[in-house]
Amino acid sequence: PDGRRFAFTVFDDTDGARLDNVGEVYALLRDL
């Protein structure tokens, strides 16, 4: 779409996930 050169995505398995150990990861993704 929109003339993009490639595509990138992630499927994040939720194993071990809590707000205190993945929250900053998703904040970074959101900002980017």
PDB file of all heavy atoms in Angstrom:
ATOM      1  N   PRO A   1       0.812  -1.229   0.000  1.00  0.00           N
ATOM      2  CA  PRO A   1       0.000   0.000   0.000  1.00  0.00           C
ATOM      3  C   PRO A   1       0.841   1.274   0.000  1.00  0.00           C
ATOM      4  O   PRO A   1       1.932   1.313   0.575  1.00  0.00           O
ATOM      5  CB  PRO A   1      -0.817  -0.129   1.295  1.00  0.00           C
ATOM      6  CG  PRO A   1      -0.891  -1.601   1.553  1.00  0.00           C
ATOM      7  CD  PRO A   1       0.436  -2.141   1.094  1.00  0.00           C
ATOM      8  N   ASP A   2       0.297   2.298  -0.649  1.00  0.00           N
ATOM      9  CA  ASP A   2       0.885   3.646  -0.643  1.00  0.00           C
ATOM     10  C   ASP A   2       2.319   3.670  -1.144  1.00  0.00           C
ATOM     11  O   ASP A   2       3.122   4.515  -0.743  1.00  0.00           O
ATOM     12  CB  ASP A   2       0.833   4.253   0.765  1.00  0.00           C
ATOM     13  CG  ASP A   2      -0.585   4.326   1.309  1.00  0.00           C
ATOM     14  OD1 ASP A   2      -1.498   4.637   0.525  1.00  0.00           O
ATOM     15  OD2 ASP A   2      -0.779   4.053   2.504  1.00  0.00           O
ATOM     16  N   GLY A   3       2.660   2.739  -2.022  1.00  0.00           N
ATOM     17  CA  GLY A   3       3.990   2.732  -2.602  1.00  0.00           C
ATOM     18  C   GLY A   3       5.096   2.312  -1.654  1.00  0.00           C
ATOM     19  O   GLY A   3       6.284   2.524  -1.940  1.00  0.00           O
ATOM     20  N   ARG A   4       4.730   1.698  -0.544  1.00  0.00           N
ATOM     21  CA  ARG A   4       5.741   1.237   0.406  1.00  0.00           C
ATOM     22  C   ARG A   4       6.603   0.158  -0.246  1.00  0.00           C
ATOM     23  O   ARG A   4       6.145  -0.611  -1.083  1.00  0.00           O
ATOM     24  CB  ARG A   4       5.088   0.676   1.667  1.00  0.00           C
ATOM     25  CG  ARG A   4       4.191   1.654   2.421  1.00  0.00           C
ATOM     26  CD  ARG A   4       4.984   2.666   3.215  1.00  0.00           C
ATOM     27  NE  ARG A   4       5.260   3.888   2.464  1.00  0.00           N
ATOM     28  CZ  ARG A   4       5.997   4.884   2.926  1.00  0.00           C
ATOM     29  NH1 ARG A   4       6.560   4.797   4.117  1.00  0.00           N
ATOM     30  NH2 ARG A   4       6.174   5.963   2.201  1.00  0.00           N
ATOM     31  N   ARG A   5       7.867   0.057   0.182  1.00  0.00           N
ATOM     32  CA  ARG A   5       8.827  -0.837  -0.462  1.00  0.00           C
ATOM     33  C   ARG A   5       8.806  -2.254   0.101  1.00  0.00           C
ATOM     34  O   ARG A   5       9.260  -3.197  -0.554  1.00  0.00           O
ATOM     35  CB  ARG A   5      10.229  -0.250  -0.310  1.00  0.00           C
ATOM     36  CG  ARG A   5      10.443   1.075  -1.031  1.00  0.00           C
ATOM     37  CD  ARG A   5      10.640   0.867  -2.524  1.00  0.00           C
ATOM     38  NE  ARG A   5      11.793   0.034  -2.788  1.00  0.00           N
ATOM     39  CZ  ARG A   5      13.057   0.488  -2.827  1.00  0.00           C
ATOM     40  NH1 ARG A   5      13.293   1.781  -2.610  1.00  0.00           N
ATOM     41  NH2 ARG A   5      14.054  -0.326  -3.076  1.00  0.00           N
ATOM     42  N   PHE A   6       8.326  -2.420   1.328  1.00  0.00           N
ATOM     43  CA  PHE A   6       8.293  -3.731   1.969  1.00  0.00           C
ATOM     44  C   PHE A   6       7.248  -3.664   3.077  1.00  0.00           C
ATOM     45  O   PHE A   6       6.663  -2.598   3.339  1.00  0.00           O
ATOM     46  CB  PHE A   6       9.657  -4.106   2.557  1.00  0.00           C
ATOM     47  CG  PHE A   6      10.108  -3.217   3.686  1.00  0.00           C
ATOM     48  CD1 PHE A   6       9.857  -3.549   5.013  1.00  0.00           C
ATOM     49  CD2 PHE A   6      10.771  -2.026   3.420  1.00  0.00           C
ATOM     50  CE1 PHE A   6      10.255  -2.717   6.052  1.00  0.00           C
ATOM     51  CE2 PHE A   6      11.184  -1.191   4.453  1.00  0.00           C
ATOM     52  CZ  PHE A   6      10.917  -1.530   5.767  1.00  0.00           C
ATOM     53  N   ALA A   7       6.999  -4.787   3.739  1.00  0.00           N
ATOM     54  CA  ALA A   7       6.052  -4.825   4.851  1.00  0.00           C
ATOM     55  C   ALA A   7       6.692  -5.533   6.042  1.00  0.00           C
ATOM     56  O   ALA A   7       7.474  -6.471   5.885  1.00  0.00           O
ATOM     57  CB  ALA A   7       4.762  -5.531   4.448  1.00  0.00           C
ATOM     58  N   PHE A   8       6.326  -5.060   7.233  1.00  0.00           N
ATOM     59  CA  PHE A   8       6.844  -5.647   8.468  1.00  0.00           C
ATOM     60  C   PHE A   8       5.721  -5.705   9.491  1.00  0.00           C
ATOM     61  O   PHE A   8       4.978  -4.737   9.674  1.00  0.00           O
ATOM     62  CB  PHE A   8       7.985  -4.802   9.036  1.00  0.00           C
ATOM     63  CG  PHE A   8       8.469  -5.274  10.380  1.00  0.00           C
ATOM     64  CD1 PHE A   8       9.426  -6.276  10.475  1.00  0.00           C
ATOM     65  CD2 PHE A   8       7.968  -4.726  11.555  1.00  0.00           C
ATOM     66  CE1 PHE A   8       9.867  -6.721  11.722  1.00  0.00           C
ATOM     67  CE2 PHE A   8       8.398  -5.156  12.799  1.00  0.00           C
ATOM     68  CZ  PHE A   8       9.350  -6.160  12.882  1.00  0.00           C
ATOM     69  N   THR A   9       5.612  -6.845  10.156  1.00  0.00           N
ATOM     70  CA  THR A   9       4.617  -7.003  11.213  1.00  0.00           C
ATOM     71  C   THR A   9       5.129  -7.991  12.242  1.00  0.00           C
ATOM     72  O   THR A   9       6.161  -8.661  12.044  1.00  0.00           O
ATOM     73  CB  THR A   9       3.263  -7.443  10.640  1.00  0.00           C
ATOM     74  OG1 THR A   9       2.268  -7.381  11.672  1.00  0.00           O
ATOM     75  CG2 THR A   9       3.314  -8.852  10.067  1.00  0.00           C
ATOM     76  N   VAL A  10       4.425  -8.101  13.361  1.00  0.00           N
ATOM     77  CA  VAL A  10       4.821  -8.973  14.463  1.00  0.00           C
ATOM     78  C   VAL A  10       3.592  -9.674  15.005  1.00  0.00           C
ATOM     79  O   VAL A  10       2.537  -9.048  15.175  1.00  0.00           O
ATOM     80  CB  VAL A  10       5.480  -8.170  15.614  1.00  0.00           C
ATOM     81  CG1 VAL A  10       5.808  -9.089  16.794  1.00  0.00           C
ATOM     82  CG2 VAL A  10       6.728  -7.443  15.130  1.00  0.00           C
ATOM     83  N   PHE A  11       3.725 -10.974  15.297  1.00  0.00           N
ATOM     84  CA  PHE A  11       2.761 -11.657  16.166  1.00  0.00           C
ATOM     85  C   PHE A  11       3.468 -11.905  17.481  1.00  0.00           C
ATOM     86  O   PHE A  11       4.428 -12.673  17.558  1.00  0.00           O
ATOM     87  CB  PHE A  11       2.261 -12.974  15.579  1.00  0.00           C
ATOM     88  CG  PHE A  11       1.110 -13.553  16.380  1.00  0.00           C
ATOM     89  CD1 PHE A  11      -0.193 -13.347  15.970  1.00  0.00           C
ATOM     90  CD2 PHE A  11       1.331 -14.261  17.558  1.00  0.00           C
ATOM     91  CE1 PHE A  11      -1.261 -13.849  16.721  1.00  0.00           C
ATOM     92  CE2 PHE A  11       0.279 -14.760  18.312  1.00  0.00           C
ATOM     93  CZ  PHE A  11      -1.024 -14.553  17.886  1.00  0.00           C
ATOM     94  N   ASP A  12       2.995 -11.238  18.524  1.00  0.00           N
ATOM     95  CA  ASP A  12       3.599 -11.307  19.852  1.00  0.00           C
ATOM     96  C   ASP A  12       2.863 -12.335  20.704  1.00  0.00           C
ATOM     97  O   ASP A  12       1.753 -12.085  21.170  1.00  0.00           O
ATOM     98  CB  ASP A  12       3.540  -9.915  20.496  1.00  0.00           C
ATOM     99  CG  ASP A  12       3.972  -9.918  21.955  1.00  0.00           C
ATOM    100  OD1 ASP A  12       4.757 -10.807  22.340  1.00  0.00           O
ATOM    101  OD2 ASP A  12       3.529  -9.020  22.703  1.00  0.00           O
ATOM    102  N   ASP A  13       3.505 -13.501  20.919  1.00  0.00           N
ATOM    103  CA  ASP A  13       2.947 -14.487  21.845  1.00  0.00           C
ATOM    104  C   ASP A  13       2.929 -13.880  23.239  1.00  0.00           C
ATOM    105  O   ASP A  13       3.935 -13.321  23.694  1.00  0.00           O
ATOM    106  CB  ASP A  13       3.801 -15.748  21.858  1.00  0.00           C
ATOM    107  CG  ASP A  13       3.533 -16.647  20.659  1.00  0.00           C
ATOM    108  OD1 ASP A  13       2.796 -16.229  19.758  1.00  0.00           O
ATOM    109  OD2 ASP A  13       4.088 -17.761  20.629  1.00  0.00           O
ATOM    110  N   THR A  14       1.820 -14.024  23.942  1.00  0.00           N
ATOM    111  CA  THR A  14       1.625 -13.323  25.211  1.00  0.00           C
ATOM    112  C   THR A  14       2.276 -13.992  26.412  1.00  0.00           C
ATOM    113  O   THR A  14       2.134 -13.513  27.533  1.00  0.00           O
ATOM    114  CB  THR A  14       0.112 -13.133  25.475  1.00  0.00           C
ATOM    115  OG1 THR A  14      -0.078 -12.160  26.494  1.00  0.00           O
ATOM    116  CG2 THR A  14      -0.552 -14.453  25.843  1.00  0.00           C
ATOM    117  N   ASP A  15       3.030 -15.059  26.194  1.00  0.00           N
ATOM    118  CA  ASP A  15       3.675 -15.785  27.286  1.00  0.00           C
ATOM    119  C   ASP A  15       4.457 -14.830  28.195  1.00  0.00           C
ATOM    120  O   ASP A  15       5.353 -14.118  27.748  1.00  0.00           O
ATOM    121  CB  ASP A  15       4.665 -16.819  26.750  1.00  0.00           C
ATOM    122  CG  ASP A  15       4.055 -17.748  25.716  1.00  0.00           C
ATOM    123  OD1 ASP A  15       3.058 -17.371  25.092  1.00  0.00           O
ATOM    124  OD2 ASP A  15       4.598 -18.847  25.520  1.00  0.00           O
ATOM    125  N   GLY A  16       4.141 -14.835  29.472  1.00  0.00           N
ATOM    126  CA  GLY A  16       4.871 -14.046  30.445  1.00  0.00           C
ATOM    127  C   GLY A  16       4.575 -12.562  30.438  1.00  0.00           C
ATOM    128  O   GLY A  16       5.152 -11.802  31.226  1.00  0.00           O
ATOM    129  N   ALA A  17       3.669 -12.106  29.583  1.00  0.00           N
ATOM    130  CA  ALA A  17       3.467 -10.660  29.412  1.00  0.00           C
ATOM    131  C   ALA A  17       2.661 -10.042  30.541  1.00  0.00           C
ATOM    132  O   ALA A  17       1.620 -10.558  30.941  1.00  0.00           O
ATOM    133  CB  ALA A  17       2.782 -10.400  28.076  1.00  0.00           C
ATOM    134  N   ARG A  18       3.159  -8.911  31.017  1.00  0.00           N
ATOM    135  CA  ARG A  18       2.479  -8.075  31.996  1.00  0.00           C
ATOM    136  C   ARG A  18       2.756  -6.624  31.621  1.00  0.00           C
ATOM    137  O   ARG A  18       3.663  -6.332  30.840  1.00  0.00           O
ATOM    138  CB  ARG A  18       3.005  -8.343  33.414  1.00  0.00           C
ATOM    139  CG  ARG A  18       2.954  -9.796  33.859  1.00  0.00           C
ATOM    140  CD  ARG A  18       3.512  -9.948  35.281  1.00  0.00           C
ATOM    141  NE  ARG A  18       4.852  -9.386  35.414  1.00  0.00           N
ATOM    142  CZ  ARG A  18       5.979 -10.040  35.107  1.00  0.00           C
ATOM    143  NH1 ARG A  18       5.925 -11.283  34.628  1.00  0.00           N
ATOM    144  NH2 ARG A  18       7.148  -9.451  35.261  1.00  0.00           N
ATOM    145  N   LEU A  19       2.007  -5.720  32.220  1.00  0.00           N
ATOM    146  CA  LEU A  19       2.228  -4.307  31.933  1.00  0.00           C
ATOM    147  C   LEU A  19       3.651  -3.866  32.263  1.00  0.00           C
ATOM    148  O   LEU A  19       4.230  -3.028  31.556  1.00  0.00           O
ATOM    149  CB  LEU A  19       1.233  -3.447  32.714  1.00  0.00           C
ATOM    150  CG  LEU A  19      -0.150  -3.277  32.090  1.00  0.00           C
ATOM    151  CD1 LEU A  19      -1.061  -2.519  33.042  1.00  0.00           C
ATOM    152  CD2 LEU A  19      -0.043  -2.552  30.762  1.00  0.00           C
ATOM    153  N   ASP A  20       4.236  -4.448  33.309  1.00  0.00           N
ATOM    154  CA  ASP A  20       5.557  -3.986  33.742  1.00  0.00           C
ATOM    155  C   ASP A  20       6.695  -4.544  32.903  1.00  0.00           C
ATOM    156  O   ASP A  20       7.848  -4.132  33.079  1.00  0.00           O
ATOM    157  CB  ASP A  20       5.790  -4.315  35.220  1.00  0.00           C
ATOM    158  CG  ASP A  20       5.837  -5.819  35.499  1.00  0.00           C
ATOM    159  OD1 ASP A  20       5.441  -6.601  34.620  1.00  0.00           O
ATOM    160  OD2 ASP A  20       6.273  -6.199  36.598  1.00  0.00           O
ATOM    161  N   ASN A  21       6.420  -5.496  31.989  1.00  0.00           N
ATOM    162  CA  ASN A  21       7.524  -6.005  31.173  1.00  0.00           C
ATOM    163  C   ASN A  21       7.285  -5.924  29.666  1.00  0.00           C
ATOM    164  O   ASN A  21       8.157  -6.342  28.890  1.00  0.00           O
ATOM    165  CB  ASN A  21       7.896  -7.440  31.580  1.00  0.00           C
ATOM    166  CG  ASN A  21       6.801  -8.459  31.309  1.00  0.00           C
ATOM    167  OD1 ASN A  21       5.766  -8.149  30.724  1.00  0.00           O
ATOM    168  ND2 ASN A  21       7.033  -9.691  31.743  1.00  0.00           N
ATOM    169  N   VAL A  22       6.148  -5.389  29.238  1.00  0.00           N
ATOM    170  CA  VAL A  22       5.949  -5.161  27.796  1.00  0.00           C
ATOM    171  C   VAL A  22       5.390  -3.767  27.493  1.00  0.00           C
ATOM    172  O   VAL A  22       5.318  -3.372  26.330  1.00  0.00           O
ATOM    173  CB  VAL A  22       5.025  -6.231  27.157  1.00  0.00           C
ATOM    174  CG1 VAL A  22       5.632  -7.615  27.271  1.00  0.00           C
ATOM    175  CG2 VAL A  22       3.620  -6.181  27.739  1.00  0.00           C
ATOM    176  N   GLY A  23       5.016  -3.028  28.536  1.00  0.00           N
ATOM    177  CA  GLY A  23       4.394  -1.728  28.308  1.00  0.00           C
ATOM    178  C   GLY A  23       5.263  -0.775  27.511  1.00  0.00           C
ATOM    179  O   GLY A  23       4.790  -0.078  26.597  1.00  0.00           O
ATOM    180  N   GLU A  24       6.558  -0.718  27.818  1.00  0.00           N
ATOM    181  CA  GLU A  24       7.458   0.190  27.108  1.00  0.00           C
ATOM    182  C   GLU A  24       7.701  -0.253  25.673  1.00  0.00           C
ATOM    183  O   GLU A  24       7.947   0.572  24.790  1.00  0.00           O
ATOM    184  CB  GLU A  24       8.785   0.308  27.863  1.00  0.00           C
ATOM    185  CG  GLU A  24       8.676   1.023  29.199  1.00  0.00           C
ATOM    186  CD  GLU A  24       8.116   2.421  29.048  1.00  0.00           C
ATOM    187  OE1 GLU A  24       8.574   3.151  28.144  1.00  0.00           O
ATOM    188  OE2 GLU A  24       7.223   2.791  29.832  1.00  0.00           O
ATOM    189  N   VAL A  25       7.647  -1.561  25.435  1.00  0.00           N
ATOM    190  CA  VAL A  25       7.794  -2.058  24.065  1.00  0.00           C
ATOM    191  C   VAL A  25       6.682  -1.497  23.184  1.00  0.00           C
ATOM    192  O   VAL A  25       6.925  -0.974  22.093  1.00  0.00           O
ATOM    193  CB  VAL A  25       7.774  -3.603  24.041  1.00  0.00           C
ATOM    194  CG1 VAL A  25       7.783  -4.118  22.599  1.00  0.00           C
ATOM    195  CG2 VAL A  25       8.945  -4.174  24.821  1.00  0.00           C
ATOM    196  N   TYR A  26       5.450  -1.575  23.685  1.00  0.00           N
ATOM    197  CA  TYR A  26       4.322  -1.104  22.885  1.00  0.00           C
ATOM    198  C   TYR A  26       4.280   0.421  22.805  1.00  0.00           C
ATOM    199  O   TYR A  26       3.812   0.977  21.807  1.00  0.00           O
ATOM    200  CB  TYR A  26       3.017  -1.696  23.424  1.00  0.00           C
ATOM    201  CG  TYR A  26       2.838  -3.105  22.934  1.00  0.00           C
ATOM    202  CD1 TYR A  26       3.319  -4.187  23.675  1.00  0.00           C
ATOM    203  CD2 TYR A  26       2.262  -3.362  21.694  1.00  0.00           C
ATOM    204  CE1 TYR A  26       3.198  -5.482  23.202  1.00  0.00           C
ATOM    205  CE2 TYR A  26       2.142  -4.653  21.222  1.00  0.00           C
ATOM    206  CZ  TYR A  26       2.615  -5.714  21.964  1.00  0.00           C
ATOM    207  OH  TYR A  26       2.510  -6.990  21.478  1.00  0.00           O
ATOM    208  N   ALA A  27       4.802   1.090  23.819  1.00  0.00           N
ATOM    209  CA  ALA A  27       4.906   2.551  23.736  1.00  0.00           C
ATOM    210  C   ALA A  27       5.862   2.947  22.615  1.00  0.00           C
ATOM    211  O   ALA A  27       5.601   3.897  21.858  1.00  0.00           O
ATOM    212  CB  ALA A  27       5.369   3.120  25.070  1.00  0.00           C
ATOM    213  N   LEU A  28       6.975   2.215  22.491  1.00  0.00           N
ATOM    214  CA  LEU A  28       7.918   2.486  21.404  1.00  0.00           C
ATOM    215  C   LEU A  28       7.276   2.237  20.041  1.00  0.00           C
ATOM    216  O   LEU A  28       7.370   3.075  19.135  1.00  0.00           O
ATOM    217  CB  LEU A  28       9.161   1.609  21.555  1.00  0.00           C
ATOM    218  CG  LEU A  28      10.168   1.698  20.400  1.00  0.00           C
ATOM    219  CD1 LEU A  28      10.821   3.074  20.352  1.00  0.00           C
ATOM    220  CD2 LEU A  28      11.222   0.591  20.510  1.00  0.00           C
ATOM    221  N   LEU A  29       6.625   1.095  19.889  1.00  0.00           N
ATOM    222  CA  LEU A  29       5.979   0.779  18.616  1.00  0.00           C
ATOM    223  C   LEU A  29       4.962   1.854  18.242  1.00  0.00           C
ATOM    224  O   LEU A  29       4.878   2.284  17.078  1.00  0.00           O
ATOM    225  CB  LEU A  29       5.299  -0.586  18.693  1.00  0.00           C
ATOM    226  CG  LEU A  29       6.211  -1.800  18.872  1.00  0.00           C
ATOM    227  CD1 LEU A  29       5.380  -3.058  19.078  1.00  0.00           C
ATOM    228  CD2 LEU A  29       7.138  -1.966  17.682  1.00  0.00           C
ATOM    229  N   ARG A  30       4.203   2.272  19.225  1.00  0.00           N
ATOM    230  CA  ARG A  30       3.186   3.298  18.979  1.00  0.00           C
ATOM    231  C   ARG A  30       3.836   4.603  18.522  1.00  0.00           C
ATOM    232  O   ARG A  30       3.391   5.228  17.557  1.00  0.00           O
ATOM    233  CB  ARG A  30       2.372   3.517  20.250  1.00  0.00           C
ATOM    234  CG  ARG A  30       1.161   4.401  20.097  1.00  0.00           C
ATOM    235  CD  ARG A  30       0.302   4.333  21.344  1.00  0.00           C
ATOM    236  NE  ARG A  30      -0.918   5.112  21.220  1.00  0.00           N
ATOM    237  CZ  ARG A  30      -1.935   5.048  22.054  1.00  0.00           C
ATOM    238  NH1 ARG A  30      -1.877   4.210  23.078  1.00  0.00           N
ATOM    239  NH2 ARG A  30      -3.011   5.779  21.877  1.00  0.00           N
ATOM    240  N   ASP A  31       4.915   5.008  19.193  1.00  0.00           N
ATOM    241  CA  ASP A  31       5.603   6.241  18.835  1.00  0.00           C
ATOM    242  C   ASP A  31       6.225   6.165  17.446  1.00  0.00           C
ATOM    243  O   ASP A  31       6.314   7.189  16.743  1.00  0.00           O
ATOM    244  CB  ASP A  31       6.684   6.559  19.865  1.00  0.00           C
ATOM    245  CG  ASP A  31       6.115   6.976  21.219  1.00  0.00           C
ATOM    246  OD1 ASP A  31       4.901   7.279  21.283  1.00  0.00           O
ATOM    247  OD2 ASP A  31       6.876   6.973  22.197  1.00  0.00           O
ATOM    248  N   LEU A  32       6.659   4.973  17.054  1.00  0.00           N
ATOM    249  CA  LEU A  32       7.300   4.800  15.750  1.00  0.00           C
ATOM    250  C   LEU A  32       6.289   4.638  14.615  1.00  0.00           C
ATOM    251  O   LEU A  32       6.684   4.550  13.448  1.00  0.00           O
ATOM    252  CB  LEU A  32       8.226   3.578  15.779  1.00  0.00           C
ATOM    253  CG  LEU A  32       9.458   3.681  16.684  1.00  0.00           C
ATOM    254  CD1 LEU A  32      10.237   2.373  16.667  1.00  0.00           C
ATOM    255  CD2 LEU A  32      10.357   4.839  16.275  1.00  0.00           C
TER     256      LEU A  32
END
